[in-house]
């Protein structure tokens, strides 16, 4: 896609949270330096690394700003720290296990010149198999009514090959935290990432609030980023399972309109319990306990959920609409009706 450049490319800050594994962040930074000459600020937020990542980055890349956290504060809070430190209005959040392509920022930054757009996501493909979309984002994220996420190009563990079938720009519900651009003013006004989420679904929560504020989220597949994935938490880790299920409940209860929460909380609980029992009878006891613990956390933290709803009311634009929410259960359609590809929806 060509862009009519009505003005000079705006300055932007690239924010990369990082924790350990110097080889991964080095690969990412080398990719940025080679493929992207437009940025004027890169911020690495070192989240309590134990392998001297900060010192090595400062030595090898003296023009890169490094912020070192004294302990691991999690993806969400580290991104917030980087955003507050950024000197530019336009921000790009980027995972440390990514590689970028030439010209990748132009479709993102120029799309943000539209005052109605808060965030833009590139096409995210798998770093190890570049013909596949990546699990974490693909060509833009969507959400079903029970707050189960899926992507254009990825439905649960069904990941499609990229045949350019999703190369059109399109409104989406959420942009992947692996790589997306946003505006600092909107990010801060929204309340930024909820640090209580720690990691997983913090970008879904943010983009839901962005839509509450009247903004739209956009997929720009003419920008391409490659992502390795699962470099911080493995897909089977107790913590990852726990956070995914707990955070789904948080976002469901805090962000849905209250009548939807009341109407759907029992069906969502049934889906949760089915998933929990399935883990138990399949001898996945670690996942079983992670799911049970996630539900217990919700019960014990009602005050936090109420406060989160109250904070949302402060930013809501009257008459807002949600793009990219699927008003059915993706779980039922995928597992019962065998609708395994985004194109079937």
Protein backbone atom coordinates (compact mmCIF):
# COMPACT_ATOMS: atom_id res chain seq x y z
CA UNK A 1 0.00 0.00 0.00
CA UNK A 2 1.27 3.47 -0.86
CA UNK A 3 1.01 6.38 1.57
CA UNK A 4 0.48 10.01 0.65
CA UNK A 5 3.02 11.69 2.87
CA UNK A 6 1.36 14.99 3.68
CA UNK A 7 3.91 15.76 6.35
CA UNK A 8 7.20 14.50 7.71
CA UNK A 9 7.10 11.10 9.38
CA UNK A 10 6.26 11.78 13.06
CA UNK A 11 8.81 10.76 15.66
CA UNK A 12 8.02 7.65 17.67
CA UNK A 13 9.40 5.68 20.58
CA UNK A 14 9.85 1.90 20.51
CA UNK A 15 9.37 0.29 23.93
CA UNK A 16 10.75 -3.21 24.51
CA UNK A 17 10.22 -4.96 27.86
CA UNK A 18 12.94 -7.51 28.53
CA UNK A 19 13.85 -10.11 31.14
CA UNK A 20 16.95 -12.28 30.74
CA UNK A 21 18.23 -13.98 27.55
CA UNK A 22 20.60 -11.42 26.09
CA UNK A 23 20.71 -13.28 22.74
CA UNK A 24 17.00 -12.67 22.18
CA UNK A 25 17.11 -8.93 22.83
CA UNK A 26 20.33 -8.59 20.78
CA UNK A 27 18.63 -10.22 17.80
CA UNK A 28 15.67 -7.86 18.17
CA UNK A 29 17.81 -4.72 18.49
CA UNK A 30 20.01 -5.68 15.54
CA UNK A 31 16.87 -6.18 13.46
CA UNK A 32 15.59 -2.72 14.42
CA UNK A 33 18.85 -0.99 13.63
CA UNK A 34 19.16 -2.69 10.24
CA UNK A 35 15.51 -2.49 9.12
CA UNK A 36 14.29 0.73 10.76
CA UNK A 37 16.07 4.05 10.37
CA UNK A 38 13.05 6.25 11.16
CA UNK A 39 12.82 5.96 14.96
CA UNK A 40 14.47 8.48 17.23
CA UNK A 41 14.09 6.59 20.50
CA UNK A 42 14.35 2.97 21.59
CA UNK A 43 13.63 2.18 25.24
CA UNK A 44 14.50 -1.20 26.73
CA UNK A 45 12.86 -1.79 30.11
CA UNK A 46 14.96 -4.47 31.79
CA UNK A 47 12.59 -6.27 34.12
CA UNK A 48 15.02 -7.49 36.75
CA UNK A 49 17.29 -9.55 34.47
CA UNK A 50 19.90 -11.68 36.23
CA UNK A 51 22.22 -12.09 33.22
CA UNK A 52 23.61 -8.52 33.09
CA UNK A 53 21.42 -7.69 30.10
CA UNK A 54 21.32 -3.99 30.99
CA UNK A 55 25.09 -3.63 31.14
CA UNK A 56 25.59 -5.49 27.88
CA UNK A 57 22.93 -3.44 26.04
CA UNK A 58 24.38 -0.16 27.31
CA UNK A 59 27.86 -1.23 26.20
CA UNK A 60 26.84 -2.45 22.73
CA UNK A 61 24.06 0.06 21.96
CA UNK A 62 25.01 3.38 23.60
CA UNK A 63 22.17 5.28 21.87
CA UNK A 64 19.47 3.04 23.32
CA UNK A 65 17.80 4.11 26.56
CA UNK A 66 17.80 1.39 29.23
CA UNK A 67 15.55 1.45 32.28
CA UNK A 68 16.40 -1.21 34.85
CA UNK A 69 13.71 -2.43 37.25
CA UNK A 70 15.00 -3.69 40.59
CA UNK A 71 12.72 -6.73 40.31
CA UNK A 72 10.49 -8.45 37.77
CA UNK A 73 7.38 -6.26 37.67
CA UNK A 74 5.72 -8.04 34.76
CA UNK A 75 5.06 -7.12 31.15
CA UNK A 76 2.21 -4.70 31.86
CA UNK A 77 3.98 -2.52 34.40
CA UNK A 78 7.26 -2.54 32.48
CA UNK A 79 5.47 -1.24 29.39
CA UNK A 80 3.85 1.49 31.49
CA UNK A 81 7.25 2.54 32.83
CA UNK A 82 8.61 2.74 29.29
CA UNK A 83 5.59 4.70 28.03
CA UNK A 84 5.86 7.30 30.79
CA UNK A 85 9.55 7.74 30.00
CA UNK A 86 9.02 8.11 26.22
CA UNK A 87 9.61 11.54 24.69
CA UNK A 88 7.24 11.04 21.74
CA UNK A 89 3.46 10.97 21.31
CA UNK A 90 3.60 7.87 19.10
CA UNK A 91 4.59 4.65 20.85
CA UNK A 92 5.33 1.17 19.55
CA UNK A 93 5.28 -1.69 22.04
CA UNK A 94 7.45 -4.56 20.82
CA UNK A 95 8.30 -7.93 22.34
CA UNK A 96 11.97 -8.74 22.73
CA UNK A 97 11.59 -12.01 20.75
CA UNK A 98 10.65 -10.29 17.49
CA UNK A 99 12.31 -9.37 14.22
CA UNK A 100 11.01 -6.55 12.06
CA UNK A 101 10.93 -6.01 8.29
CA UNK A 102 11.94 -3.03 6.20
CA UNK A 103 9.40 -0.21 6.29
CA UNK A 104 7.33 -1.86 9.00
CA UNK A 105 6.64 1.33 10.95
CA UNK A 106 5.18 3.49 8.16
CA UNK A 107 1.79 1.71 7.92
CA UNK A 108 1.48 1.85 11.71
CA UNK A 109 2.46 5.47 12.35
CA UNK A 110 0.68 6.96 9.35
CA UNK A 111 -2.51 5.09 10.26
CA UNK A 112 -2.37 6.74 13.67
CA UNK A 113 -2.62 10.17 12.05
CA UNK A 114 -6.34 9.40 11.82
CA UNK A 115 -7.76 10.93 15.00
CA UNK A 116 -10.31 8.12 15.33
CA UNK A 117 -7.63 5.40 15.61
CA UNK A 118 -5.95 4.64 18.94
CA UNK A 119 -3.86 1.59 17.99
CA UNK A 120 -2.58 -0.27 14.94
CA UNK A 121 -1.23 -3.81 14.72
CA UNK A 122 1.05 -5.20 11.99
CA UNK A 123 0.69 -8.65 10.50
CA UNK A 124 2.53 -10.89 12.97
CA UNK A 125 4.05 -14.07 11.55
CA UNK A 126 5.93 -16.98 13.08
CA UNK A 127 9.68 -16.42 13.26
CA UNK A 128 10.55 -20.11 12.96
CA UNK A 129 8.09 -20.85 10.14
CA UNK A 130 7.62 -17.64 8.20
CA UNK A 131 4.76 -19.04 6.13
CA UNK A 132 2.58 -19.28 9.24
CA UNK A 133 0.77 -16.58 11.15
CA UNK A 134 1.89 -16.19 14.73
CA UNK A 135 -0.23 -17.41 17.63
CA UNK A 136 0.05 -14.08 19.44
CA UNK A 137 -1.81 -11.72 17.16
CA UNK A 138 -1.75 -13.02 13.57
CA UNK A 139 -3.57 -10.28 11.58
CA UNK A 140 -5.52 -8.77 14.46
CA UNK A 141 -7.43 -9.89 17.52
CA UNK A 142 -11.12 -10.46 18.19
CA UNK A 143 -13.11 -11.49 21.23
CA UNK A 144 -16.18 -13.62 21.78
CA UNK A 145 -18.95 -12.65 24.17
CA UNK A 146 -17.40 -14.77 26.95
CA UNK A 147 -14.00 -13.06 26.51
CA UNK A 148 -12.25 -15.88 24.69
CA UNK A 149 -9.78 -14.26 22.27
CA UNK A 150 -9.08 -15.35 18.70
CA UNK A 151 -7.31 -13.84 15.71
CA UNK A 152 -7.66 -13.36 11.99
CA UNK A 153 -5.44 -16.30 11.09
CA UNK A 154 -5.49 -18.16 14.44
CA UNK A 155 -8.36 -19.92 16.21
CA UNK A 156 -7.20 -21.55 19.46
CA UNK A 157 -4.32 -23.81 18.32
CA UNK A 158 -5.33 -23.83 14.66
CA UNK A 159 -2.81 -21.53 12.97
CA UNK A 160 -3.23 -20.76 9.28
CA UNK A 161 -0.64 -20.35 6.55
CA UNK A 162 -0.38 -16.87 5.12
CA UNK A 163 -1.72 -16.95 1.56
CA UNK A 164 -2.39 -13.19 1.70
CA UNK A 165 -6.01 -14.04 2.46
CA UNK A 166 -6.14 -11.42 5.21
CA UNK A 167 -4.20 -8.58 3.60
CA UNK A 168 -6.98 -5.99 3.81
CA UNK A 169 -6.92 -3.26 6.46
CA UNK A 170 -9.70 -3.90 8.93
CA UNK A 171 -11.05 -2.79 12.29
CA UNK A 172 -10.24 -5.30 15.02
CA UNK A 173 -11.08 -5.62 18.71
CA UNK A 174 -7.54 -5.77 20.08
CA UNK A 175 -3.98 -5.38 18.88
CA UNK A 176 -1.38 -7.86 20.08
CA UNK A 177 1.07 -6.85 22.79
CA UNK A 178 3.77 -8.57 20.72
CA UNK A 179 3.77 -5.54 18.40
CA UNK A 180 1.44 -2.58 18.12
CA UNK A 181 1.53 1.20 17.82
CA UNK A 182 -0.57 3.58 19.89
CA UNK A 183 -0.75 7.18 21.06
CA UNK A 184 0.79 8.10 24.38
CA UNK A 185 -1.97 10.56 25.26
CA UNK A 186 -4.69 7.94 24.79
CA UNK A 187 -2.66 5.26 26.54
CA UNK A 188 -2.19 7.41 29.64
CA UNK A 189 -5.73 8.77 29.67
CA UNK A 190 -7.13 5.21 29.50
CA UNK A 191 -5.16 4.25 32.62
CA UNK A 192 -2.42 2.41 30.66
CA UNK A 193 -2.00 -1.35 31.07
CA UNK A 194 -3.53 -2.70 34.27
CA UNK A 195 -0.43 -3.84 36.17
CA UNK A 196 -2.58 -6.26 38.21
CA UNK A 197 -2.93 -8.35 35.05
CA UNK A 198 0.88 -8.74 35.12
CA UNK A 199 1.00 -10.39 31.68
CA UNK A 200 -1.59 -11.84 29.26
CA UNK A 201 -4.71 -10.00 28.12
CA UNK A 202 -3.42 -6.61 29.28
CA UNK A 203 -3.58 -5.45 25.65
CA UNK A 204 -7.15 -6.75 25.30
CA UNK A 205 -8.13 -4.84 28.41
CA UNK A 206 -6.45 -1.66 27.12
CA UNK A 207 -8.04 -1.83 23.70
CA UNK A 208 -11.46 -2.52 25.19
CA UNK A 209 -11.06 0.69 27.21
CA UNK A 210 -9.85 2.49 24.07
CA UNK A 211 -13.10 1.52 22.36
CA UNK A 212 -15.03 2.70 25.42
CA UNK A 213 -13.38 6.07 24.83
CA UNK A 214 -14.69 6.10 21.25
CA UNK A 215 -11.54 5.04 19.40
CA UNK A 216 -11.02 2.25 16.87
CA UNK A 217 -8.29 -0.39 16.62
CA UNK A 218 -6.86 -1.19 13.20
CA UNK A 219 -4.99 -4.05 11.55
CA UNK A 220 -2.36 -2.95 9.00
CA UNK A 221 -1.13 -6.15 7.29
CA UNK A 222 1.21 -4.25 4.96
CA UNK A 223 3.46 -4.00 8.02
CA UNK A 224 5.09 -7.33 8.93
CA UNK A 225 6.76 -8.43 12.18
CA UNK A 226 8.07 -11.92 13.01
CA UNK A 227 7.58 -13.27 16.53
CA UNK A 228 9.12 -16.31 18.20
CA UNK A 229 6.73 -16.53 21.17
CA UNK A 230 6.69 -18.32 24.54
CA UNK A 231 10.18 -17.10 25.41
CA UNK A 232 9.21 -15.78 28.84
CA UNK A 233 6.54 -18.26 29.94
CA UNK A 234 6.08 -21.63 28.24
CA UNK A 235 2.58 -22.42 26.99
CA UNK A 236 2.22 -25.19 29.58
CA UNK A 237 3.50 -23.31 32.61
CA UNK A 238 1.30 -23.09 35.70
CA UNK A 239 1.65 -19.31 35.78
CA UNK A 240 0.61 -18.87 32.16
CA UNK A 241 -2.50 -21.04 32.53
CA UNK A 242 -3.40 -19.26 35.77
CA UNK A 243 -2.97 -15.78 34.30
CA UNK A 244 -4.88 -16.58 31.13
CA UNK A 245 -7.94 -17.84 33.01
CA UNK A 246 -7.81 -15.32 35.84
CA UNK A 247 -7.35 -12.36 33.50
CA UNK A 248 -10.18 -13.53 31.26
CA UNK A 249 -12.48 -13.34 34.29
CA UNK A 250 -11.15 -9.91 35.26
CA UNK A 251 -11.75 -8.46 31.80
CA UNK A 252 -15.17 -10.12 31.53
CA UNK A 253 -16.45 -8.75 34.85
CA UNK A 254 -14.80 -5.32 34.71
CA UNK A 255 -15.43 -4.32 31.10
CA UNK A 256 -18.74 -5.80 29.97
CA UNK A 257 -21.88 -3.78 30.56
CA UNK A 258 -23.39 -4.93 33.83
CA UNK A 259 -26.49 -6.53 32.27
CA UNK A 260 -24.24 -8.68 30.08
CA UNK A 261 -22.16 -9.77 33.09
CA UNK A 262 -25.34 -10.78 34.94
CA UNK A 263 -26.75 -12.61 31.92
CA UNK A 264 -23.59 -14.51 31.01
CA UNK A 265 -21.73 -15.15 34.26
CA UNK A 266 -23.35 -18.56 34.85
CA UNK A 267 -22.72 -19.80 31.26
CA UNK A 268 -19.11 -18.55 31.52
CA UNK A 269 -18.71 -20.33 34.85
CA UNK A 270 -20.01 -23.54 33.26
CA UNK A 271 -17.47 -23.23 30.44
CA UNK A 272 -14.72 -22.62 32.98
CA UNK A 273 -15.70 -25.67 35.05
CA UNK A 274 -15.88 -27.89 31.96
CA UNK A 275 -12.34 -26.82 31.05
CA UNK A 276 -11.19 -27.42 34.64
CA UNK A 277 -12.72 -30.90 34.81
CA UNK A 278 -11.29 -31.77 31.40
CA UNK A 279 -7.81 -30.97 32.71
CA UNK A 280 -8.50 -33.13 35.77
CA UNK A 281 -9.72 -36.20 33.87
CA UNK A 282 -6.89 -35.86 31.35
CA UNK A 283 -4.42 -35.90 34.28
CA UNK A 284 -3.28 -32.33 33.62
CA UNK A 285 -3.32 -31.64 37.34
CA UNK A 286 -1.08 -28.57 37.12
CA UNK A 287 -3.55 -26.91 34.75
CA UNK A 288 -6.47 -28.08 36.90
CA UNK A 289 -5.10 -26.36 40.00
CA UNK A 290 -4.16 -23.25 37.99
CA UNK A 291 -7.76 -22.90 36.81
CA UNK A 292 -9.18 -23.49 40.28
CA UNK A 293 -6.82 -20.92 41.76
CA UNK A 294 -7.77 -18.36 39.11
CA UNK A 295 -11.42 -18.67 40.10
CA UNK A 296 -10.58 -18.38 43.79
CA UNK A 297 -8.65 -15.16 43.10
CA UNK A 298 -11.75 -13.64 41.50
CA UNK A 299 -13.89 -14.52 44.52
CA UNK A 300 -11.36 -12.99 46.92
CA UNK A 301 -10.86 -9.76 44.93
CA UNK A 302 -14.34 -8.39 44.37
CA UNK A 303 -13.28 -4.93 45.63
CA UNK A 304 -10.62 -4.70 42.93
CA UNK A 305 -13.16 -5.61 40.24
CA UNK A 306 -15.63 -3.00 41.49
CA UNK A 307 -12.90 -0.35 41.53
CA UNK A 308 -11.90 -1.28 37.98
CA UNK A 309 -15.50 -0.85 36.81
CA UNK A 310 -15.70 2.55 38.55
CA UNK A 311 -12.49 3.68 36.84
CA UNK A 312 -13.90 2.61 33.47
CA UNK A 313 -16.95 4.82 33.97
CA UNK A 314 -14.65 7.86 34.14
CA UNK A 315 -13.44 7.38 30.55
CA UNK A 316 -16.54 6.04 28.77
CA UNK A 317 -17.82 8.03 25.81
CA UNK A 318 -21.60 7.96 25.67
CA UNK A 319 -22.93 5.77 22.87
CA UNK A 320 -19.65 3.95 22.21
CA UNK A 321 -19.72 0.78 20.13
CA UNK A 322 -17.42 -2.25 20.10
CA UNK A 323 -15.87 -3.47 16.85
CA UNK A 324 -14.67 -7.05 16.60
CA UNK A 325 -16.75 -8.72 19.32
CA UNK A 326 -18.27 -12.04 18.29
CA UNK A 327 -21.66 -12.37 19.93
CA UNK A 328 -21.52 -16.14 20.27
CA UNK A 329 -19.25 -18.65 21.98
CA UNK A 330 -16.08 -19.31 20.02
CA UNK A 331 -15.54 -22.39 22.22
CA UNK A 332 -18.81 -23.99 21.09
CA UNK A 333 -18.38 -23.03 17.44
CA UNK A 334 -14.79 -24.28 17.32
CA UNK A 335 -15.04 -27.52 19.31
CA UNK A 336 -18.66 -28.53 18.63
CA UNK A 337 -19.38 -27.16 15.15
CA UNK A 338 -15.79 -27.59 13.90
CA UNK A 339 -15.41 -24.01 12.63
CA UNK A 340 -11.62 -23.96 12.77
CA UNK A 341 -10.71 -21.02 10.52
CA UNK A 342 -11.37 -17.31 10.81
CA UNK A 343 -12.82 -17.25 7.29
CA UNK A 344 -15.71 -19.45 8.53
CA UNK A 345 -16.96 -16.70 10.84
